[in-house]
Amino acid sequence: MADNITITEGENATPPDGTIIATDQVGTVHYQVIKLALGADGAATLLSIGQQLMAACLPVVLASNHGDIKITLDGETITLAGSLPDTAAGDLAAIAAALGAALPVDATGAGDVPVTLDGEGVGVSSVTLSPTLVHGKKVVAVPGTEEALAGSTALTSGVTVKALHTNTNMVYVGANPVTSATGFVLDAGEEIFIEIANLATIYIDVDTAGEGVTYIGS
């Protein structure tokens, strides 16, 4: 099958060889090959191959019954134009549902970021263990005068604080200042595990001079 048609007669002919019209022959029928162009009346800009600026791109309108379109961002930022709905819980839920859960988020410098899993699981491949173990004993010399559990000592996991089994009265554990009215109460032999980053942030107070706690952490 031979593509293209040459016009050799009539007002459209260009002597001496005629005008060639690009076609694709399918069976016995020629389908004209057409280049797309954009522009107002009296002007035309041919469309080029590859990604172009908006002015040189063909506008596309999706069908009214078209399904959801998945968008992949490659280091780009989404900017919402106009105004969002009211910040009532229902509206925010609708926005979250519409955006879905596949948008990348750059949380650099944002601190802890809450993550909501919708029926998904999280696999933990490894856990970093603390390389050191810290332990000791702390007693309070003057009841009513709280003292730090220890000097500045970094922790990875936390610390277990246990009231001495020889105590005759209560021990009070908490942040500075801690008192018998505000502290977490430990009777003799009782203990509590505290997830904390530094021993020096835990304080204790006692009812009886010379009583206190032991601790072990990592």
N, C-alpha and C. Protein backbone atom coordinates (compact mmCIF):
# COMPACT_ATOMS: atom_id res chain seq x y z
N MET A 1 0.85 -1.19 0.00
CA MET A 1 0.00 0.00 0.00
C MET A 1 0.89 1.24 0.00
N ALA A 2 0.56 2.20 -0.84
CA ALA A 2 1.37 3.41 -0.98
C ALA A 2 0.70 4.57 -0.26
N ASP A 3 1.44 5.16 0.69
CA ASP A 3 0.91 6.33 1.37
C ASP A 3 1.08 7.57 0.49
N ASN A 4 0.37 8.64 0.87
CA ASN A 4 0.47 9.96 0.24
C ASN A 4 -0.25 10.00 -1.11
N ILE A 5 -0.75 11.20 -1.45
CA ILE A 5 -1.45 11.47 -2.71
C ILE A 5 -0.84 12.72 -3.33
N THR A 6 -0.60 12.69 -4.61
CA THR A 6 -0.09 13.86 -5.33
C THR A 6 -1.21 14.48 -6.14
N ILE A 7 -1.49 15.76 -5.89
CA ILE A 7 -2.50 16.49 -6.66
C ILE A 7 -1.81 17.09 -7.88
N THR A 8 -2.20 16.62 -9.06
CA THR A 8 -1.55 17.09 -10.31
C THR A 8 -2.47 17.92 -11.19
N GLU A 9 -3.75 18.01 -10.83
CA GLU A 9 -4.68 18.77 -11.65
C GLU A 9 -5.50 19.70 -10.78
N GLY A 10 -6.10 20.70 -11.38
CA GLY A 10 -6.98 21.61 -10.67
C GLY A 10 -6.23 22.75 -10.04
N GLU A 11 -6.96 23.61 -9.33
CA GLU A 11 -6.37 24.83 -8.80
C GLU A 11 -5.38 24.57 -7.65
N ASN A 12 -5.46 23.35 -7.05
CA ASN A 12 -4.54 23.03 -5.95
C ASN A 12 -3.21 22.44 -6.43
N ALA A 13 -3.10 22.18 -7.75
CA ALA A 13 -1.87 21.60 -8.26
C ALA A 13 -0.76 22.64 -8.31
N THR A 14 0.47 22.18 -8.03
CA THR A 14 1.63 23.07 -8.10
C THR A 14 2.56 22.54 -9.19
N PRO A 15 2.60 23.19 -10.32
CA PRO A 15 3.47 22.72 -11.41
C PRO A 15 4.92 22.74 -10.97
N PRO A 16 5.82 21.91 -11.54
CA PRO A 16 5.43 20.96 -12.61
C PRO A 16 5.05 19.58 -12.08
N ASP A 17 5.34 19.30 -10.77
CA ASP A 17 5.15 17.93 -10.26
C ASP A 17 3.88 17.75 -9.44
N GLY A 18 3.16 18.82 -9.13
CA GLY A 18 1.96 18.72 -8.31
C GLY A 18 2.24 18.88 -6.83
N THR A 19 1.20 18.88 -6.01
CA THR A 19 1.31 19.03 -4.55
C THR A 19 1.10 17.68 -3.88
N ILE A 20 2.01 17.31 -2.98
CA ILE A 20 1.89 16.01 -2.29
C ILE A 20 1.16 16.21 -0.97
N ILE A 21 0.10 15.45 -0.77
CA ILE A 21 -0.68 15.45 0.47
C ILE A 21 -0.32 14.20 1.26
N ALA A 22 0.14 14.37 2.51
CA ALA A 22 0.53 13.22 3.34
C ALA A 22 -0.70 12.43 3.77
N THR A 23 -0.67 11.12 3.55
CA THR A 23 -1.78 10.25 3.95
C THR A 23 -1.24 8.93 4.48
N ASP A 24 -2.14 8.18 5.11
CA ASP A 24 -1.86 6.80 5.51
C ASP A 24 -2.91 5.94 4.83
N GLN A 25 -2.48 5.09 3.91
CA GLN A 25 -3.43 4.27 3.18
C GLN A 25 -3.78 3.03 3.99
N VAL A 26 -5.07 2.83 4.24
CA VAL A 26 -5.59 1.65 4.94
C VAL A 26 -6.55 0.97 3.99
N GLY A 27 -6.15 -0.14 3.45
CA GLY A 27 -6.98 -0.79 2.43
C GLY A 27 -6.99 0.06 1.18
N THR A 28 -8.15 0.41 0.76
CA THR A 28 -8.27 1.26 -0.44
C THR A 28 -8.55 2.71 -0.08
N VAL A 29 -8.47 3.02 1.22
CA VAL A 29 -8.82 4.38 1.66
C VAL A 29 -7.58 5.10 2.15
N HIS A 30 -7.44 6.37 1.78
CA HIS A 30 -6.36 7.23 2.26
C HIS A 30 -6.87 8.11 3.40
N TYR A 31 -6.17 8.08 4.54
CA TYR A 31 -6.50 8.94 5.68
C TYR A 31 -5.44 10.03 5.76
N GLN A 32 -5.90 11.28 5.73
CA GLN A 32 -4.96 12.38 5.68
C GLN A 32 -4.19 12.51 7.00
N VAL A 33 -2.89 12.75 6.91
CA VAL A 33 -2.04 12.99 8.08
C VAL A 33 -2.05 14.48 8.36
N ILE A 34 -2.41 14.86 9.59
CA ILE A 34 -2.61 16.27 9.93
C ILE A 34 -1.71 16.66 11.09
N LYS A 35 -1.08 17.84 11.00
CA LYS A 35 -0.34 18.40 12.12
C LYS A 35 -1.27 19.30 12.92
N LEU A 36 -1.20 19.20 14.28
CA LEU A 36 -2.04 20.03 15.13
C LEU A 36 -1.37 21.37 15.38
N ALA A 37 -2.19 22.41 15.42
CA ALA A 37 -1.69 23.76 15.70
C ALA A 37 -2.69 24.48 16.58
N LEU A 38 -2.19 25.41 17.40
CA LEU A 38 -3.03 26.22 18.27
C LEU A 38 -2.89 27.68 17.89
N GLY A 39 -3.95 28.46 18.13
CA GLY A 39 -3.85 29.88 17.86
C GLY A 39 -5.20 30.51 17.60
N ALA A 40 -5.25 31.85 17.73
CA ALA A 40 -6.47 32.59 17.42
C ALA A 40 -6.65 32.68 15.92
N ASP A 41 -7.71 33.34 15.48
CA ASP A 41 -7.99 33.51 14.06
C ASP A 41 -6.82 34.25 13.39
N GLY A 42 -6.29 33.67 12.32
CA GLY A 42 -5.20 34.30 11.61
C GLY A 42 -3.82 33.96 12.14
N ALA A 43 -3.73 33.08 13.15
CA ALA A 43 -2.44 32.71 13.71
C ALA A 43 -2.43 31.22 14.03
N ALA A 44 -1.26 30.60 13.98
CA ALA A 44 -1.16 29.17 14.28
C ALA A 44 0.23 28.85 14.80
N THR A 45 0.28 28.06 15.88
CA THR A 45 1.54 27.58 16.44
C THR A 45 1.50 26.06 16.45
N LEU A 46 2.41 25.44 15.69
CA LEU A 46 2.42 23.99 15.62
C LEU A 46 2.81 23.39 16.98
N LEU A 47 2.15 22.31 17.33
CA LEU A 47 2.48 21.60 18.56
C LEU A 47 3.77 20.81 18.36
N SER A 48 4.65 20.83 19.38
CA SER A 48 5.92 20.12 19.30
C SER A 48 5.88 18.87 20.15
N ILE A 49 6.78 17.93 19.84
CA ILE A 49 6.87 16.69 20.60
C ILE A 49 7.52 16.98 21.96
N GLY A 50 7.04 16.30 22.99
CA GLY A 50 7.63 16.46 24.33
C GLY A 50 6.90 17.51 25.14
N GLN A 51 7.31 17.62 26.42
CA GLN A 51 6.66 18.55 27.33
C GLN A 51 6.99 19.99 26.96
N GLN A 52 5.96 20.82 26.88
CA GLN A 52 6.11 22.21 26.48
C GLN A 52 5.50 23.12 27.54
N LEU A 53 5.65 24.44 27.34
CA LEU A 53 4.97 25.40 28.19
C LEU A 53 3.47 25.35 27.92
N MET A 54 2.67 25.87 28.86
CA MET A 54 1.22 25.78 28.75
C MET A 54 0.69 26.36 27.45
N ALA A 55 1.29 27.47 27.00
CA ALA A 55 0.80 28.13 25.79
C ALA A 55 0.96 27.26 24.55
N ALA A 56 1.86 26.28 24.58
CA ALA A 56 2.11 25.43 23.42
C ALA A 56 1.61 24.01 23.64
N CYS A 57 0.69 23.83 24.60
CA CYS A 57 0.14 22.50 24.90
C CYS A 57 -1.32 22.42 24.50
N LEU A 58 -1.76 21.24 24.15
CA LEU A 58 -3.14 21.02 23.74
C LEU A 58 -4.04 20.89 24.97
N PRO A 59 -5.04 21.76 25.12
CA PRO A 59 -5.95 21.63 26.27
C PRO A 59 -6.71 20.31 26.22
N VAL A 60 -6.88 19.68 27.38
CA VAL A 60 -7.59 18.40 27.46
C VAL A 60 -8.69 18.52 28.50
N VAL A 61 -9.88 18.09 28.14
CA VAL A 61 -11.02 18.07 29.07
C VAL A 61 -11.40 16.61 29.30
N LEU A 62 -11.39 16.19 30.57
CA LEU A 62 -11.73 14.80 30.87
C LEU A 62 -13.22 14.56 30.75
N ALA A 63 -13.56 13.34 30.44
CA ALA A 63 -14.97 12.97 30.34
C ALA A 63 -15.64 13.11 31.70
N SER A 64 -16.91 13.44 31.70
CA SER A 64 -17.63 13.66 32.96
C SER A 64 -17.73 12.40 33.80
N ASN A 65 -17.61 11.23 33.17
CA ASN A 65 -17.68 9.97 33.92
C ASN A 65 -16.32 9.31 34.07
N HIS A 66 -15.25 10.12 33.93
CA HIS A 66 -13.90 9.58 34.07
C HIS A 66 -13.63 9.23 35.53
N GLY A 67 -12.93 8.14 35.76
CA GLY A 67 -12.61 7.72 37.13
C GLY A 67 -11.48 8.55 37.73
N ASP A 68 -11.03 8.13 38.92
CA ASP A 68 -9.95 8.84 39.59
C ASP A 68 -8.66 8.76 38.79
N ILE A 69 -7.86 9.82 38.84
CA ILE A 69 -6.57 9.87 38.16
C ILE A 69 -5.47 9.87 39.21
N LYS A 70 -4.53 8.93 39.09
CA LYS A 70 -3.43 8.86 40.04
C LYS A 70 -2.33 9.82 39.60
N ILE A 71 -1.87 10.65 40.52
CA ILE A 71 -0.84 11.65 40.23
C ILE A 71 0.43 11.29 40.99
N THR A 72 1.56 11.27 40.27
CA THR A 72 2.86 11.02 40.89
C THR A 72 3.68 12.29 40.85
N LEU A 73 4.14 12.73 42.02
CA LEU A 73 4.95 13.94 42.11
C LEU A 73 6.42 13.57 42.17
N ASP A 74 7.24 14.23 41.37
CA ASP A 74 8.67 13.98 41.36
C ASP A 74 9.39 15.21 41.89
N GLY A 75 9.40 15.33 43.23
CA GLY A 75 10.06 16.47 43.85
C GLY A 75 9.32 17.78 43.69
N GLU A 76 8.05 17.70 43.31
CA GLU A 76 7.28 18.92 43.12
C GLU A 76 6.43 19.23 44.34
N THR A 77 5.79 20.39 44.35
CA THR A 77 4.95 20.82 45.46
C THR A 77 3.53 21.07 44.95
N ILE A 78 2.55 20.61 45.71
CA ILE A 78 1.15 20.89 45.35
C ILE A 78 0.72 22.19 46.02
N THR A 79 0.18 23.10 45.23
CA THR A 79 -0.35 24.35 45.76
C THR A 79 -1.84 24.38 45.51
N LEU A 80 -2.62 24.54 46.58
CA LEU A 80 -4.07 24.61 46.44
C LEU A 80 -4.48 26.03 46.11
N ALA A 81 -5.15 26.21 44.97
CA ALA A 81 -5.61 27.53 44.56
C ALA A 81 -6.98 27.81 45.17
N GLY A 82 -7.26 29.08 45.47
CA GLY A 82 -8.54 29.42 46.05
C GLY A 82 -8.58 29.13 47.53
N SER A 83 -9.77 28.96 48.06
CA SER A 83 -9.92 28.74 49.49
C SER A 83 -10.43 27.34 49.77
N LEU A 84 -9.97 26.78 50.90
CA LEU A 84 -10.44 25.47 51.33
C LEU A 84 -11.76 25.61 52.07
N PRO A 85 -12.48 24.50 52.22
CA PRO A 85 -13.74 24.57 52.98
C PRO A 85 -13.49 24.90 54.44
N ASP A 86 -14.55 25.11 55.14
CA ASP A 86 -14.56 25.32 56.58
C ASP A 86 -13.72 24.24 57.26
N THR A 87 -13.06 24.57 58.37
CA THR A 87 -12.18 23.60 59.03
C THR A 87 -12.90 22.68 60.00
N ALA A 88 -14.19 22.51 59.82
CA ALA A 88 -14.92 21.55 60.66
C ALA A 88 -14.38 20.15 60.39
N ALA A 89 -14.53 19.28 61.37
CA ALA A 89 -13.95 17.94 61.27
C ALA A 89 -14.44 17.21 60.04
N GLY A 90 -15.70 17.37 59.70
CA GLY A 90 -16.24 16.69 58.53
C GLY A 90 -15.58 17.12 57.25
N ASP A 91 -15.34 18.43 57.11
CA ASP A 91 -14.71 18.94 55.90
C ASP A 91 -13.27 18.47 55.79
N LEU A 92 -12.54 18.50 56.91
CA LEU A 92 -11.15 18.04 56.89
C LEU A 92 -11.08 16.55 56.54
N ALA A 93 -12.02 15.79 57.04
CA ALA A 93 -12.05 14.36 56.72
C ALA A 93 -12.29 14.16 55.23
N ALA A 94 -13.16 14.99 54.65
CA ALA A 94 -13.45 14.88 53.23
C ALA A 94 -12.23 15.23 52.39
N ILE A 95 -11.49 16.27 52.82
CA ILE A 95 -10.28 16.66 52.10
C ILE A 95 -9.24 15.55 52.17
N ALA A 96 -9.05 14.99 53.37
CA ALA A 96 -8.08 13.91 53.54
C ALA A 96 -8.43 12.70 52.69
N ALA A 97 -9.73 12.39 52.63
CA ALA A 97 -10.16 11.24 51.84
C ALA A 97 -9.93 11.48 50.36
N ALA A 98 -10.13 12.73 49.92
CA ALA A 98 -9.96 13.06 48.50
C ALA A 98 -8.50 13.02 48.10
N LEU A 99 -7.63 13.53 48.96
CA LEU A 99 -6.20 13.54 48.64
C LEU A 99 -5.61 12.14 48.66
N GLY A 100 -6.18 11.26 49.49
CA GLY A 100 -5.66 9.91 49.59
C GLY A 100 -4.42 9.85 50.45
N ALA A 101 -3.74 8.71 50.42
CA ALA A 101 -2.61 8.50 51.32
C ALA A 101 -1.30 8.30 50.58
N ALA A 102 -1.19 8.76 49.31
CA ALA A 102 0.00 8.47 48.53
C ALA A 102 0.84 9.69 48.23
N LEU A 103 0.57 10.83 48.87
CA LEU A 103 1.36 12.04 48.60
C LEU A 103 2.62 12.03 49.44
N PRO A 104 3.81 12.27 48.82
CA PRO A 104 5.05 12.34 49.60
C PRO A 104 5.07 13.60 50.45
N VAL A 105 5.65 13.50 51.65
CA VAL A 105 5.69 14.64 52.56
C VAL A 105 7.13 14.89 52.98
N ASP A 106 7.59 16.13 52.84
CA ASP A 106 8.91 16.50 53.32
C ASP A 106 8.74 17.11 54.71
N ALA A 107 9.13 16.35 55.74
CA ALA A 107 8.93 16.80 57.12
C ALA A 107 10.24 17.23 57.76
N THR A 108 11.22 17.63 56.93
CA THR A 108 12.51 18.04 57.47
C THR A 108 12.35 19.20 58.44
N GLY A 109 12.85 19.04 59.65
CA GLY A 109 12.78 20.11 60.63
C GLY A 109 11.45 20.26 61.31
N ALA A 110 10.52 19.35 61.03
CA ALA A 110 9.19 19.48 61.59
C ALA A 110 9.03 18.75 62.92
N GLY A 111 10.06 18.06 63.37
CA GLY A 111 9.94 17.30 64.61
C GLY A 111 9.16 16.02 64.37
N ASP A 112 8.54 15.49 65.41
CA ASP A 112 7.76 14.26 65.26
C ASP A 112 6.54 14.51 64.40
N VAL A 113 6.29 13.62 63.45
CA VAL A 113 5.15 13.75 62.54
C VAL A 113 4.22 12.57 62.77
N PRO A 114 2.95 12.82 63.17
CA PRO A 114 2.02 11.71 63.37
C PRO A 114 1.69 11.02 62.05
N VAL A 115 1.65 9.69 62.05
CA VAL A 115 1.34 8.92 60.85
C VAL A 115 0.13 8.05 61.13
N THR A 116 -0.87 8.13 60.25
CA THR A 116 -2.07 7.31 60.39
C THR A 116 -2.04 6.20 59.36
N LEU A 117 -2.13 4.96 59.79
CA LEU A 117 -2.14 3.81 58.89
C LEU A 117 -3.57 3.34 58.70
N ASP A 118 -3.97 3.18 57.44
CA ASP A 118 -5.33 2.77 57.12
C ASP A 118 -5.31 1.29 56.74
N GLY A 119 -5.33 0.44 57.75
CA GLY A 119 -5.35 -0.99 57.47
C GLY A 119 -4.02 -1.55 57.05
N GLU A 120 -2.95 -0.77 57.15
CA GLU A 120 -1.64 -1.24 56.74
C GLU A 120 -0.84 -1.71 57.94
N GLY A 121 0.20 -2.47 57.69
CA GLY A 121 1.06 -2.96 58.75
C GLY A 121 2.44 -2.32 58.66
N VAL A 122 3.14 -2.30 59.77
CA VAL A 122 4.50 -1.75 59.80
C VAL A 122 5.46 -2.86 60.17
N GLY A 123 6.48 -3.06 59.36
CA GLY A 123 7.48 -4.08 59.65
C GLY A 123 8.73 -3.43 60.22
N VAL A 124 9.24 -3.96 61.31
CA VAL A 124 10.46 -3.43 61.93
C VAL A 124 11.60 -4.38 61.60
N SER A 125 12.58 -3.88 60.87
CA SER A 125 13.69 -4.73 60.46
C SER A 125 14.79 -4.80 61.50
N SER A 126 14.95 -3.73 62.29
CA SER A 126 15.99 -3.74 63.32
C SER A 126 15.69 -2.71 64.39
N VAL A 127 16.23 -2.93 65.57
CA VAL A 127 16.08 -2.00 66.69
C VAL A 127 17.46 -1.69 67.24
N THR A 128 17.77 -0.41 67.37
CA THR A 128 19.06 -0.01 67.91
C THR A 128 19.04 -0.07 69.43
N LEU A 129 19.90 -0.89 70.00
CA LEU A 129 19.96 -1.05 71.45
C LEU A 129 20.96 -0.09 72.05
N SER A 130 20.71 0.29 73.30
CA SER A 130 21.63 1.18 73.98
C SER A 130 22.95 0.46 74.25
N PRO A 131 24.08 1.13 74.01
CA PRO A 131 25.38 0.48 74.23
C PRO A 131 25.81 0.48 75.70
N THR A 132 25.08 1.21 76.55
CA THR A 132 25.51 1.32 77.95
C THR A 132 24.36 1.00 78.90
N LEU A 133 24.74 0.59 80.12
CA LEU A 133 23.80 0.32 81.19
C LEU A 133 24.15 1.23 82.36
N VAL A 134 23.14 1.92 82.90
CA VAL A 134 23.39 2.81 84.05
C VAL A 134 22.56 2.32 85.23
N HIS A 135 23.14 2.43 86.42
CA HIS A 135 22.41 2.01 87.61
C HIS A 135 23.00 2.74 88.82
N GLY A 136 22.23 2.76 89.90
CA GLY A 136 22.73 3.43 91.09
C GLY A 136 21.70 3.49 92.19
N LYS A 137 22.05 4.22 93.25
CA LYS A 137 21.18 4.38 94.42
C LYS A 137 21.14 5.87 94.76
N LYS A 138 19.95 6.33 95.14
CA LYS A 138 19.80 7.74 95.50
C LYS A 138 18.94 7.86 96.75
N VAL A 139 19.48 8.57 97.77
CA VAL A 139 18.71 8.84 98.98
C VAL A 139 18.62 10.35 99.16
N VAL A 140 17.59 10.79 99.89
CA VAL A 140 17.37 12.22 100.12
C VAL A 140 17.70 12.52 101.59
N ALA A 141 18.56 13.50 101.78
CA ALA A 141 19.01 13.81 103.14
C ALA A 141 17.97 14.58 103.93
N VAL A 142 17.27 15.50 103.27
CA VAL A 142 16.32 16.36 103.98
C VAL A 142 14.93 16.19 103.37
N PRO A 143 13.98 15.58 104.08
CA PRO A 143 12.63 15.44 103.55
C PRO A 143 12.04 16.80 103.17
N GLY A 144 11.33 16.83 102.04
CA GLY A 144 10.75 18.08 101.57
C GLY A 144 11.68 18.85 100.66
N THR A 145 12.89 18.35 100.47
CA THR A 145 13.86 18.98 99.55
C THR A 145 14.17 17.98 98.45
N GLU A 146 13.50 18.12 97.32
CA GLU A 146 13.68 17.15 96.23
C GLU A 146 15.10 17.19 95.68
N GLU A 147 15.55 16.02 95.20
CA GLU A 147 16.88 15.91 94.61
C GLU A 147 16.80 15.14 93.31
N ALA A 148 17.70 15.51 92.37
CA ALA A 148 17.76 14.80 91.09
C ALA A 148 18.20 13.37 91.31
N LEU A 149 17.67 12.47 90.49
CA LEU A 149 18.02 11.06 90.61
C LEU A 149 19.51 10.85 90.40
N ALA A 150 20.10 11.61 89.47
CA ALA A 150 21.54 11.52 89.20
C ALA A 150 21.95 12.75 88.42
N GLY A 151 23.25 12.87 88.15
CA GLY A 151 23.71 13.92 87.28
C GLY A 151 23.29 13.65 85.85
N SER A 152 23.59 14.58 84.94
CA SER A 152 23.18 14.43 83.55
C SER A 152 23.73 13.14 82.96
N THR A 153 22.83 12.22 82.63
CA THR A 153 23.19 10.92 82.06
C THR A 153 22.20 10.57 80.96
N ALA A 154 22.67 10.49 79.72
CA ALA A 154 21.78 10.23 78.59
C ALA A 154 21.26 8.80 78.63
N LEU A 155 19.99 8.64 78.22
CA LEU A 155 19.35 7.33 78.15
C LEU A 155 18.79 7.12 76.75
N THR A 156 18.73 5.86 76.34
CA THR A 156 18.13 5.51 75.06
C THR A 156 16.73 4.93 75.25
N SER A 157 16.60 4.02 76.21
CA SER A 157 15.33 3.34 76.42
C SER A 157 14.52 3.94 77.57
N GLY A 158 15.17 4.20 78.69
CA GLY A 158 14.48 4.70 79.88
C GLY A 158 15.11 4.12 81.13
N VAL A 159 14.39 4.23 82.25
CA VAL A 159 14.97 3.79 83.52
C VAL A 159 13.87 3.24 84.42
N THR A 160 14.23 2.21 85.20
CA THR A 160 13.33 1.67 86.22
C THR A 160 13.77 2.23 87.57
N VAL A 161 12.82 2.83 88.28
CA VAL A 161 13.09 3.40 89.60
C VAL A 161 12.34 2.56 90.63
N LYS A 162 13.08 2.07 91.65
CA LYS A 162 12.49 1.19 92.67
C LYS A 162 12.79 1.71 94.06
N ALA A 163 11.73 1.84 94.87
CA ALA A 163 11.91 2.30 96.25
C ALA A 163 12.67 1.24 97.05
N LEU A 164 13.61 1.70 97.89
CA LEU A 164 14.39 0.78 98.71
C LEU A 164 13.47 -0.08 99.57
N HIS A 165 13.79 -1.35 99.67
CA HIS A 165 12.92 -2.24 100.46
C HIS A 165 13.02 -1.96 101.95
N THR A 166 14.03 -1.19 102.32
CA THR A 166 14.20 -0.85 103.74
C THR A 166 13.48 0.45 104.12
N ASN A 167 12.87 1.12 103.13
CA ASN A 167 12.16 2.37 103.44
C ASN A 167 11.03 2.12 104.44
N THR A 168 10.81 3.09 105.33
CA THR A 168 9.70 3.00 106.29
C THR A 168 8.54 3.90 105.89
N ASN A 169 8.80 4.81 104.94
CA ASN A 169 7.76 5.73 104.46
C ASN A 169 7.81 5.83 102.93
N MET A 170 7.00 6.74 102.41
CA MET A 170 6.84 6.86 100.97
C MET A 170 7.99 7.63 100.30
N VAL A 171 8.17 7.30 99.00
CA VAL A 171 9.06 8.06 98.13
C VAL A 171 8.19 8.69 97.05
N TYR A 172 8.52 9.91 96.64
CA TYR A 172 7.73 10.65 95.64
C TYR A 172 8.61 10.93 94.42
N VAL A 173 8.14 10.50 93.25
CA VAL A 173 8.92 10.59 92.02
C VAL A 173 8.21 11.53 91.04
N GLY A 174 9.01 12.38 90.35
CA GLY A 174 8.40 13.26 89.35
C GLY A 174 9.40 14.24 88.79
N ALA A 175 8.87 15.26 88.10
CA ALA A 175 9.72 16.32 87.54
C ALA A 175 9.94 17.38 88.61
N ASN A 176 10.96 18.18 88.41
CA ASN A 176 11.27 19.26 89.35
C ASN A 176 10.29 20.43 89.15
N PRO A 177 9.61 20.90 90.21
CA PRO A 177 9.70 20.42 91.60
C PRO A 177 8.73 19.28 91.86
N VAL A 178 9.13 18.32 92.69
CA VAL A 178 8.24 17.25 93.09
C VAL A 178 8.08 17.29 94.61
N THR A 179 6.87 17.07 95.07
CA THR A 179 6.58 17.10 96.51
C THR A 179 5.72 15.90 96.86
N SER A 180 5.44 15.77 98.16
CA SER A 180 4.57 14.69 98.60
C SER A 180 3.16 14.85 98.07
N ALA A 181 2.81 16.08 97.65
CA ALA A 181 1.47 16.34 97.13
C ALA A 181 1.37 16.10 95.62
N THR A 182 2.51 16.16 94.92
CA THR A 182 2.45 16.08 93.45
C THR A 182 3.16 14.86 92.87
N GLY A 183 4.04 14.21 93.63
CA GLY A 183 4.86 13.13 93.08
C GLY A 183 4.13 11.82 92.95
N PHE A 184 4.69 10.94 92.12
CA PHE A 184 4.19 9.57 91.98
C PHE A 184 4.67 8.79 93.19
N VAL A 185 3.74 8.18 93.89
CA VAL A 185 4.06 7.57 95.18
C VAL A 185 4.56 6.14 95.01
N LEU A 186 5.72 5.85 95.66
CA LEU A 186 6.24 4.49 95.71
C LEU A 186 6.39 4.06 97.17
N ASP A 187 5.78 2.95 97.50
CA ASP A 187 5.98 2.37 98.83
C ASP A 187 7.22 1.49 98.77
N ALA A 188 7.69 1.03 99.88
CA ALA A 188 8.91 0.21 99.94
C ALA A 188 8.81 -0.97 98.98
N GLY A 189 9.83 -1.13 98.10
CA GLY A 189 9.86 -2.26 97.18
C GLY A 189 9.09 -2.05 95.89
N GLU A 190 8.30 -0.99 95.78
CA GLU A 190 7.55 -0.73 94.55
C GLU A 190 8.45 -0.05 93.51
N GLU A 191 8.07 -0.20 92.24
CA GLU A 191 8.92 0.35 91.18
C GLU A 191 8.06 0.92 90.05
N ILE A 192 8.72 1.73 89.19
CA ILE A 192 8.07 2.29 88.02
C ILE A 192 9.11 2.43 86.90
N PHE A 193 8.70 2.12 85.66
CA PHE A 193 9.57 2.34 84.51
C PHE A 193 9.20 3.66 83.86
N ILE A 194 10.20 4.48 83.59
CA ILE A 194 9.97 5.81 83.01
C ILE A 194 10.74 5.92 81.70
N GLU A 195 10.03 6.20 80.60
CA GLU A 195 10.69 6.47 79.32
C GLU A 195 11.16 7.92 79.34
N ILE A 196 12.44 8.11 79.42
CA ILE A 196 13.00 9.45 79.58
C ILE A 196 14.38 9.47 78.92
N ALA A 197 14.83 10.64 78.50
CA ALA A 197 16.10 10.74 77.77
C ALA A 197 17.29 11.04 78.66
N ASN A 198 17.04 11.47 79.92
CA ASN A 198 18.16 11.82 80.79
C ASN A 198 17.77 11.62 82.25
N LEU A 199 18.65 10.99 83.01
CA LEU A 199 18.37 10.72 84.43
C LEU A 199 18.17 12.01 85.22
N ALA A 200 18.85 13.08 84.81
CA ALA A 200 18.82 14.31 85.60
C ALA A 200 17.46 14.99 85.58
N THR A 201 16.55 14.55 84.73
CA THR A 201 15.22 15.17 84.67
C THR A 201 14.24 14.53 85.65
N ILE A 202 14.67 13.45 86.33
CA ILE A 202 13.81 12.78 87.32
C ILE A 202 14.25 13.21 88.72
N TYR A 203 13.27 13.62 89.53
CA TYR A 203 13.55 14.04 90.91
C TYR A 203 12.77 13.17 91.88
N ILE A 204 13.31 13.04 93.10
CA ILE A 204 12.60 12.30 94.14
C ILE A 204 12.58 13.11 95.43
N ASP A 205 11.57 12.85 96.23
CA ASP A 205 11.47 13.41 97.58
C ASP A 205 11.02 12.28 98.51
N VAL A 206 11.21 12.43 99.81
CA VAL A 206 10.90 11.37 100.77
C VAL A 206 10.21 11.95 102.00
N ASP A 207 9.63 11.05 102.77
CA ASP A 207 9.04 11.45 104.05
C ASP A 207 10.04 11.31 105.19
N THR A 208 11.02 10.41 105.02
CA THR A 208 11.98 10.12 106.10
C THR A 208 13.40 10.30 105.59
N ALA A 209 14.18 11.06 106.32
CA ALA A 209 15.56 11.34 105.92
C ALA A 209 16.36 10.06 105.70
N GLY A 210 17.18 10.05 104.64
CA GLY A 210 18.04 8.91 104.36
C GLY A 210 17.40 7.81 103.58
N GLU A 211 16.11 7.94 103.26
CA GLU A 211 15.45 6.92 102.45
C GLU A 211 15.47 7.35 100.98
N GLY A 212 15.22 6.37 100.08
CA GLY A 212 15.30 6.72 98.67
C GLY A 212 15.00 5.56 97.76
N VAL A 213 15.77 5.49 96.63
CA VAL A 213 15.48 4.52 95.57
C VAL A 213 16.77 3.95 95.01
N THR A 214 16.62 2.85 94.27
CA THR A 214 17.66 2.38 93.36
C THR A 214 17.11 2.51 91.95
N TYR A 215 18.00 2.52 90.95
CA TYR A 215 17.54 2.67 89.57
C TYR A 215 18.47 1.90 88.64
N ILE A 216 17.89 1.47 87.49
CA ILE A 216 18.67 0.83 86.44
C ILE A 216 18.03 1.20 85.11
N GLY A 217 18.88 1.58 84.16
CA GLY A 217 18.35 1.98 82.86
C GLY A 217 19.38 1.84 81.76
N SER A 218 18.97 2.23 80.56
CA SER A 218 19.89 2.14 79.42
C SER A 218 19.51 3.19 78.39
